[in-house]
C-alpha cells in the first residue's frame, strides 16, 4: 500500500494515543479537583469525555481509511500510491 500510507496511518495512531493520554491526565485532574469542589471537576470531566470521544472517532476514521485503502490497492492491482 505504500510508505506514505503507512506513515499516514502511523501518524493517525500517534494522534489517537495522544488523545487517550490526554483523557487519562484529565481524569486525574478531575479526581484531584473533586476532592476540593465538584463544581471545578465538572467542566474538566466534560473535557475528558470529549477528548475520549475524539479518540474513538479518530480510531473509527483510521479504520475506515485502512479499509478503503486496502480496497483501492486491490482494485488497482496493488499499485503503490
Protein backbone atom coordinates (compact mmCIF):
# COMPACT_ATOMS: atom_id res chain seq x y z
CA UNK A 1 0.00 0.00 0.00
CA UNK A 2 2.97 2.25 0.19
CA UNK A 3 5.26 4.07 2.52
CA UNK A 4 3.18 7.26 2.50
CA UNK A 5 0.09 5.32 3.52
CA UNK A 6 1.98 3.60 6.34
CA UNK A 7 3.25 6.97 7.58
CA UNK A 8 -0.27 8.42 7.43
CA UNK A 9 -1.67 5.54 9.48
CA UNK A 10 1.20 5.74 11.99
CA UNK A 11 0.57 9.47 12.41
CA UNK A 12 -3.14 8.90 12.96
CA UNK A 13 -2.40 6.23 15.58
CA UNK A 14 0.01 8.62 17.31
CA UNK A 15 -2.64 11.33 17.47
CA UNK A 16 -5.18 8.83 18.81
CA UNK A 17 -2.72 7.77 21.51
CA UNK A 18 -2.24 11.43 22.39
CA UNK A 19 -5.99 11.85 22.86
CA UNK A 20 -6.12 8.77 25.08
CA UNK A 21 -3.18 10.02 27.16
CA UNK A 22 -4.75 13.47 27.47
CA UNK A 23 -8.05 11.96 28.61
CA UNK A 24 -6.23 9.97 31.29
CA UNK A 25 -4.47 13.11 32.52
CA UNK A 26 -7.78 14.96 32.59
CA UNK A 27 -9.32 12.10 34.59
CA UNK A 28 -6.55 12.51 37.16
CA UNK A 29 -7.25 16.23 37.30
CA UNK A 30 -10.95 15.51 37.84
CA UNK A 31 -10.11 13.27 40.78
CA UNK A 32 -7.94 15.97 42.34
CA UNK A 33 -10.49 18.72 41.73
CA UNK A 34 -13.39 16.64 43.01
CA UNK A 35 -11.78 16.47 46.42
CA UNK A 36 -11.88 20.29 46.57
CA UNK A 37 -15.15 21.17 44.86
CA UNK A 38 -17.30 19.22 42.40
CA UNK A 39 -18.10 22.44 40.52
CA UNK A 40 -14.46 22.65 39.41
CA UNK A 41 -14.35 19.00 38.40
CA UNK A 42 -17.44 19.02 36.16
CA UNK A 43 -16.00 21.07 33.25
CA UNK A 44 -12.77 19.06 33.29
CA UNK A 45 -14.77 15.81 33.29
CA UNK A 46 -16.67 17.07 30.22
CA UNK A 47 -13.37 17.90 28.56
CA UNK A 48 -12.05 14.40 29.32
CA UNK A 49 -15.20 12.82 27.85
CA UNK A 50 -14.93 14.96 24.71
CA UNK A 51 -11.26 14.02 24.36
CA UNK A 52 -12.13 10.32 24.66
CA UNK A 53 -14.86 10.81 22.09
CA UNK A 54 -12.34 12.40 19.72
CA UNK A 55 -10.01 9.42 20.20
CA UNK A 56 -12.84 6.99 19.42
CA UNK A 57 -13.91 8.98 16.36
CA UNK A 58 -10.35 9.18 15.05
CA UNK A 59 -9.85 5.44 15.58
CA UNK A 60 -13.02 4.71 13.59
CA UNK A 61 -11.89 7.09 10.85
CA UNK A 62 -8.47 5.44 10.70
CA UNK A 63 -10.09 2.00 10.46
CA UNK A 64 -12.25 3.22 7.58
CA UNK A 65 -9.18 4.76 5.91
CA UNK A 66 -7.38 1.42 6.17
CA UNK A 67 -10.37 -0.43 4.71
CA UNK A 68 -10.71 1.96 1.77
CA UNK A 69 -7.00 1.93 1.06
CA UNK A 70 -6.96 -1.88 1.01
CA UNK A 71 -9.92 -1.91 -1.36
CA UNK A 72 -8.21 0.65 -3.60
CA UNK A 73 -4.97 -1.32 -3.59
CA UNK A 74 -6.80 -4.45 -4.72
CA UNK A 75 -8.80 -2.60 -7.38
CA UNK A 76 -5.68 -1.12 -8.99
CA UNK A 77 -3.70 -4.33 -8.85
CA UNK A 78 -1.90 -3.49 -5.63
CA UNK A 79 -0.20 -0.41 -7.07
CA UNK A 80 1.77 1.69 -4.62
CA UNK A 81 0.25 5.16 -4.25
